[in-house]
């Protein structure tokens, strides 16, 4: 989860604003494969968090 979190954090700003210094918009920085990987990683984390939450009694 830490690796996924670092990866998603690193790309967050670029995915929203692009590379402002060079004027490249986000849609030119990332591919569909990048988006699918990010979505899959986020879904993995969500499943793990749900599992931990349920094991803890659903606080």
PDB file of N, CA and C in Angstrom:
ATOM      1  N   UNK A   1       0.829  -1.183   0.000  1.00  0.00           N
ATOM      2  CA  UNK A   1       0.000   0.000   0.000  1.00  0.00           C
ATOM      3  C   UNK A   1       0.874   1.247   0.000  1.00  0.00           C
ATOM      4  N   UNK A   2       1.994   1.201   0.688  1.00  0.00           N
ATOM      5  CA  UNK A   2       2.863   2.378   0.724  1.00  0.00           C
ATOM      6  C   UNK A   2       3.409   2.693  -0.657  1.00  0.00           C
ATOM      7  N   UNK A   3       3.779   1.669  -1.391  1.00  0.00           N
ATOM      8  CA  UNK A   3       4.308   1.867  -2.740  1.00  0.00           C
ATOM      9  C   UNK A   3       3.242   2.476  -3.658  1.00  0.00           C
ATOM     10  N   UNK A   4       2.040   1.962  -3.570  1.00  0.00           N
ATOM     11  CA  UNK A   4       0.943   2.494  -4.378  1.00  0.00           C
ATOM     12  C   UNK A   4       0.666   3.942  -3.988  1.00  0.00           C
ATOM     13  N   UNK A   5       0.637   4.222  -2.707  1.00  0.00           N
ATOM     14  CA  UNK A   5       0.391   5.581  -2.238  1.00  0.00           C
ATOM     15  C   UNK A   5       1.446   6.555  -2.758  1.00  0.00           C
ATOM     16  N   UNK A   6       2.705   6.157  -2.686  1.00  0.00           N
ATOM     17  CA  UNK A   6       3.784   7.021  -3.186  1.00  0.00           C
ATOM     18  C   UNK A   6       3.628   7.278  -4.683  1.00  0.00           C
ATOM     19  N   UNK A   7       3.316   6.239  -5.419  1.00  0.00           N
ATOM     20  CA  UNK A   7       3.170   6.362  -6.869  1.00  0.00           C
ATOM     21  C   UNK A   7       2.010   7.295  -7.224  1.00  0.00           C
ATOM     22  N   UNK A   8       0.873   7.094  -6.596  1.00  0.00           N
ATOM     23  CA  UNK A   8      -0.285   7.942  -6.883  1.00  0.00           C
ATOM     24  C   UNK A   8      -0.037   9.384  -6.454  1.00  0.00           C
ATOM     25  N   UNK A   9       0.610   9.585  -5.323  1.00  0.00           N
ATOM     26  CA  UNK A   9       0.901  10.937  -4.852  1.00  0.00           C
ATOM     27  C   UNK A   9       1.823  11.656  -5.816  1.00  0.00           C
ATOM     28  N   UNK A  10       2.836  10.936  -6.278  1.00  0.00           N
ATOM     29  CA  UNK A  10       3.828  11.524  -7.170  1.00  0.00           C
ATOM     30  C   UNK A  10       3.189  12.049  -8.455  1.00  0.00           C
ATOM     31  N   UNK A  11       2.201  11.344  -8.957  1.00  0.00           N
ATOM     32  CA  UNK A  11       1.582  11.710 -10.236  1.00  0.00           C
ATOM     33  C   UNK A  11       0.351  12.602 -10.100  1.00  0.00           C
ATOM     34  N   UNK A  12      -0.123  12.820  -8.885  1.00  0.00           N
ATOM     35  CA  UNK A  12      -1.378  13.550  -8.680  1.00  0.00           C
ATOM     36  C   UNK A  12      -1.348  14.938  -9.299  1.00  0.00           C
ATOM     37  N   UNK A  13      -0.359  15.721  -8.984  1.00  0.00           N
ATOM     38  CA  UNK A  13      -0.305  17.099  -9.485  1.00  0.00           C
ATOM     39  C   UNK A  13      -0.239  17.130 -11.009  1.00  0.00           C
ATOM     40  N   UNK A  14       0.610  16.292 -11.589  1.00  0.00           N
ATOM     41  CA  UNK A  14       0.721  16.260 -13.048  1.00  0.00           C
ATOM     42  C   UNK A  14      -0.588  15.830 -13.701  1.00  0.00           C
ATOM     43  N   UNK A  15      -1.304  14.907 -13.053  1.00  0.00           N
ATOM     44  CA  UNK A  15      -2.552  14.419 -13.640  1.00  0.00           C
ATOM     45  C   UNK A  15      -3.645  15.481 -13.600  1.00  0.00           C
ATOM     46  N   UNK A  16      -3.526  16.429 -12.691  1.00  0.00           N
ATOM     47  CA  UNK A  16      -4.530  17.493 -12.592  1.00  0.00           C
ATOM     48  C   UNK A  16      -4.144  18.736 -13.391  1.00  0.00           C
ATOM     49  N   UNK A  17      -2.868  19.111 -13.336  1.00  0.00           N
ATOM     50  CA  UNK A  17      -2.440  20.387 -13.903  1.00  0.00           C
ATOM     51  C   UNK A  17      -1.493  20.247 -15.083  1.00  0.00           C
ATOM     52  N   UNK A  18      -1.015  19.051 -15.342  1.00  0.00           N
ATOM     53  CA  UNK A  18      -0.018  18.883 -16.391  1.00  0.00           C
ATOM     54  C   UNK A  18       1.333  19.374 -15.912  1.00  0.00           C
ATOM     55  N   UNK A  19       2.235  19.579 -16.846  1.00  0.00           N
ATOM     56  CA  UNK A  19       3.549  20.130 -16.509  1.00  0.00           C
ATOM     57  C   UNK A  19       3.512  21.611 -16.853  1.00  0.00           C
ATOM     58  N   UNK A  20       3.242  22.420 -15.846  1.00  0.00           N
ATOM     59  CA  UNK A  20       3.039  23.848 -16.067  1.00  0.00           C
ATOM     60  C   UNK A  20       4.290  24.542 -16.596  1.00  0.00           C
ATOM     61  N   UNK A  21       5.458  24.069 -16.203  1.00  0.00           N
ATOM     62  CA  UNK A  21       6.699  24.707 -16.660  1.00  0.00           C
ATOM     63  C   UNK A  21       6.887  24.570 -18.163  1.00  0.00           C
ATOM     64  N   UNK A  22       6.581  23.409 -18.700  1.00  0.00           N
ATOM     65  CA  UNK A  22       6.764  23.201 -20.135  1.00  0.00           C
ATOM     66  C   UNK A  22       5.465  23.367 -20.922  1.00  0.00           C
ATOM     67  N   UNK A  23       4.352  23.603 -20.222  1.00  0.00           N
ATOM     68  CA  UNK A  23       3.073  23.837 -20.886  1.00  0.00           C
ATOM     69  C   UNK A  23       2.416  22.595 -21.454  1.00  0.00           C
ATOM     70  N   UNK A  24       2.788  21.422 -20.937  1.00  0.00           N
ATOM     71  CA  UNK A  24       2.206  20.170 -21.427  1.00  0.00           C
ATOM     72  C   UNK A  24       0.969  19.836 -20.587  1.00  0.00           C
ATOM     73  N   UNK A  25      -0.193  19.697 -21.238  1.00  0.00           N
ATOM     74  CA  UNK A  25      -1.411  19.378 -20.483  1.00  0.00           C
ATOM     75  C   UNK A  25      -1.395  17.928 -19.987  1.00  0.00           C
ATOM     76  N   UNK A  26      -2.199  17.638 -18.965  1.00  0.00           N
ATOM     77  CA  UNK A  26      -2.196  16.293 -18.372  1.00  0.00           C
ATOM     78  C   UNK A  26      -2.502  15.185 -19.368  1.00  0.00           C
ATOM     79  N   UNK A  27      -3.402  15.441 -20.301  1.00  0.00           N
ATOM     80  CA  UNK A  27      -3.776  14.382 -21.245  1.00  0.00           C
ATOM     81  C   UNK A  27      -2.630  13.992 -22.178  1.00  0.00           C
ATOM     82  N   UNK A  28      -1.591  14.819 -22.248  1.00  0.00           N
ATOM     83  CA  UNK A  28      -0.421  14.470 -23.052  1.00  0.00           C
ATOM     84  C   UNK A  28       0.681  13.818 -22.206  1.00  0.00           C
ATOM     85  N   UNK A  29       0.544  13.888 -20.896  1.00  0.00           N
ATOM     86  CA  UNK A  29       1.551  13.299 -20.005  1.00  0.00           C
ATOM     87  C   UNK A  29       1.258  11.847 -19.659  1.00  0.00           C
ATOM     88  N   UNK A  30      -0.020  11.473 -19.700  1.00  0.00           N
ATOM     89  CA  UNK A  30      -0.428  10.146 -19.259  1.00  0.00           C
ATOM     90  C   UNK A  30      -1.179   9.420 -20.359  1.00  0.00           C
ATOM     91  N   UNK A  31      -0.990   8.126 -20.400  1.00  0.00           N
ATOM     92  CA  UNK A  31      -1.688   7.294 -21.379  1.00  0.00           C
ATOM     93  C   UNK A  31      -2.871   6.595 -20.716  1.00  0.00           C
ATOM     94  N   UNK A  32      -3.660   5.953 -21.525  1.00  0.00           N
ATOM     95  CA  UNK A  32      -4.779   5.154 -20.994  1.00  0.00           C
ATOM     96  C   UNK A  32      -4.234   4.052 -20.083  1.00  0.00           C
ATOM     97  N   UNK A  33      -3.096   3.483 -20.452  1.00  0.00           N
ATOM     98  CA  UNK A  33      -2.472   2.436 -19.631  1.00  0.00           C
ATOM     99  C   UNK A  33      -2.098   2.997 -18.257  1.00  0.00           C
ATOM    100  N   UNK A  34      -1.576   4.217 -18.220  1.00  0.00           N
ATOM    101  CA  UNK A  34      -1.253   4.864 -16.936  1.00  0.00           C
ATOM    102  C   UNK A  34      -2.514   5.005 -16.089  1.00  0.00           C
ATOM    103  N   UNK A  35      -3.603   5.444 -16.718  1.00  0.00           N
ATOM    104  CA  UNK A  35      -4.865   5.634 -15.997  1.00  0.00           C
ATOM    105  C   UNK A  35      -5.410   4.305 -15.476  1.00  0.00           C
ATOM    106  N   UNK A  36      -5.340   3.273 -16.305  1.00  0.00           N
ATOM    107  CA  UNK A  36      -5.827   1.960 -15.880  1.00  0.00           C
ATOM    108  C   UNK A  36      -4.997   1.409 -14.732  1.00  0.00           C
ATOM    109  N   UNK A  37      -3.690   1.620 -14.765  1.00  0.00           N
ATOM    110  CA  UNK A  37      -2.819   1.162 -13.685  1.00  0.00           C
ATOM    111  C   UNK A  37      -3.164   1.894 -12.381  1.00  0.00           C
ATOM    112  N   UNK A  38      -3.348   3.208 -12.473  1.00  0.00           N
ATOM    113  CA  UNK A  38      -3.690   3.987 -11.280  1.00  0.00           C
ATOM    114  C   UNK A  38      -5.025   3.532 -10.703  1.00  0.00           C
ATOM    115  N   UNK A  39      -6.003   3.297 -11.573  1.00  0.00           N
ATOM    116  CA  UNK A  39      -7.310   2.842 -11.114  1.00  0.00           C
ATOM    117  C   UNK A  39      -7.219   1.468 -10.461  1.00  0.00           C
ATOM    118  N   UNK A  40      -6.502   0.562 -11.077  1.00  0.00           N
ATOM    119  CA  UNK A  40      -6.328  -0.774 -10.498  1.00  0.00           C
ATOM    120  C   UNK A  40      -5.634  -0.710  -9.144  1.00  0.00           C
ATOM    121  N   UNK A  41      -4.604   0.116  -9.050  1.00  0.00           N
ATOM    122  CA  UNK A  41      -3.889   0.259  -7.774  1.00  0.00           C
ATOM    123  C   UNK A  41      -4.810   0.830  -6.699  1.00  0.00           C
ATOM    124  N   UNK A  42      -5.590   1.844  -7.055  1.00  0.00           N
ATOM    125  CA  UNK A  42      -6.513   2.445  -6.084  1.00  0.00           C
ATOM    126  C   UNK A  42      -7.562   1.429  -5.638  1.00  0.00           C
ATOM    127  N   UNK A  43      -8.033   0.601  -6.569  1.00  0.00           N
ATOM    128  CA  UNK A  43      -9.013  -0.432  -6.210  1.00  0.00           C
ATOM    129  C   UNK A  43      -8.408  -1.474  -5.273  1.00  0.00           C
ATOM    130  N   UNK A  44      -7.141  -1.826  -5.478  1.00  0.00           N
ATOM    131  CA  UNK A  44      -6.465  -2.766  -4.570  1.00  0.00           C
ATOM    132  C   UNK A  44      -6.428  -2.216  -3.153  1.00  0.00           C
ATOM    133  N   UNK A  45      -6.074  -0.946  -3.039  1.00  0.00           N
ATOM    134  CA  UNK A  45      -6.001  -0.314  -1.720  1.00  0.00           C
ATOM    135  C   UNK A  45      -7.388  -0.282  -1.084  1.00  0.00           C
ATOM    136  N   UNK A  46      -8.409   0.081  -1.858  1.00  0.00           N
ATOM    137  CA  UNK A  46      -9.766   0.120  -1.328  1.00  0.00           C
ATOM    138  C   UNK A  46     -10.196  -1.246  -0.795  1.00  0.00           C
ATOM    139  N   UNK A  47      -9.913  -2.298  -1.542  1.00  0.00           N
ATOM    140  CA  UNK A  47     -10.273  -3.644  -1.086  1.00  0.00           C
ATOM    141  C   UNK A  47      -9.554  -4.010   0.212  1.00  0.00           C
ATOM    142  N   UNK A  48      -8.271  -3.670   0.293  1.00  0.00           N
ATOM    143  CA  UNK A  48      -7.520  -3.964   1.524  1.00  0.00           C
ATOM    144  C   UNK A  48      -8.058  -3.173   2.712  1.00  0.00           C
ATOM    145  N   UNK A  49      -8.380  -1.926   2.500  1.00  0.00           N
ATOM    146  CA  UNK A  49      -8.916  -1.101   3.583  1.00  0.00           C
ATOM    147  C   UNK A  49     -10.270  -1.628   4.036  1.00  0.00           C
ATOM    148  N   UNK A  50     -11.122  -1.998   3.082  1.00  0.00           N
ATOM    149  CA  UNK A  50     -12.422  -2.569   3.449  1.00  0.00           C
ATOM    150  C   UNK A  50     -12.244  -3.845   4.266  1.00  0.00           C
ATOM    151  N   UNK A  51     -11.293  -4.691   3.852  1.00  0.00           N
ATOM    152  CA  UNK A  51     -11.040  -5.938   4.575  1.00  0.00           C
ATOM    153  C   UNK A  51     -10.583  -5.644   6.004  1.00  0.00           C
ATOM    154  N   UNK A  52      -9.639  -4.728   6.154  1.00  0.00           N
ATOM    155  CA  UNK A  52      -9.154  -4.369   7.485  1.00  0.00           C
ATOM    156  C   UNK A  52     -10.263  -3.759   8.339  1.00  0.00           C
ATOM    157  N   UNK A  53     -11.083  -2.924   7.724  1.00  0.00           N
ATOM    158  CA  UNK A  53     -12.178  -2.307   8.439  1.00  0.00           C
ATOM    159  C   UNK A  53     -13.150  -3.365   8.962  1.00  0.00           C
ATOM    160  N   UNK A  54     -13.498  -4.326   8.119  1.00  0.00           N
ATOM    161  CA  UNK A  54     -14.407  -5.404   8.527  1.00  0.00           C
ATOM    162  C   UNK A  54     -13.798  -6.272   9.614  1.00  0.00           C
ATOM    163  N   UNK A  55     -12.496  -6.568   9.501  1.00  0.00           N
ATOM    164  CA  UNK A  55     -11.817  -7.380  10.521  1.00  0.00           C
ATOM    165  C   UNK A  55     -11.766  -6.658  11.860  1.00  0.00           C
ATOM    166  N   UNK A  56     -11.767  -5.340  11.835  1.00  0.00           N
ATOM    167  CA  UNK A  56     -11.728  -4.563  13.065  1.00  0.00           C
ATOM    168  C   UNK A  56     -13.115  -4.381  13.658  1.00  0.00           C
ATOM    169  N   UNK A  57     -14.095  -5.012  13.052  1.00  0.00           N
ATOM    170  CA  UNK A  57     -15.450  -4.929  13.603  1.00  0.00           C
ATOM    171  C   UNK A  57     -16.272  -3.816  13.004  1.00  0.00           C
ATOM    172  N   UNK A  58     -15.787  -3.220  11.934  1.00  0.00           N
ATOM    173  CA  UNK A  58     -16.560  -2.179  11.272  1.00  0.00           C
ATOM    174  C   UNK A  58     -16.701  -0.905  12.064  1.00  0.00           C
ATOM    175  N   UNK A  59     -15.856  -0.756  13.061  1.00  0.00           N
ATOM    176  CA  UNK A  59     -15.896   0.429  13.914  1.00  0.00           C
ATOM    177  C   UNK A  59     -16.977   1.340  13.471  1.00  0.00           C
TER     178      UNK A  59
END
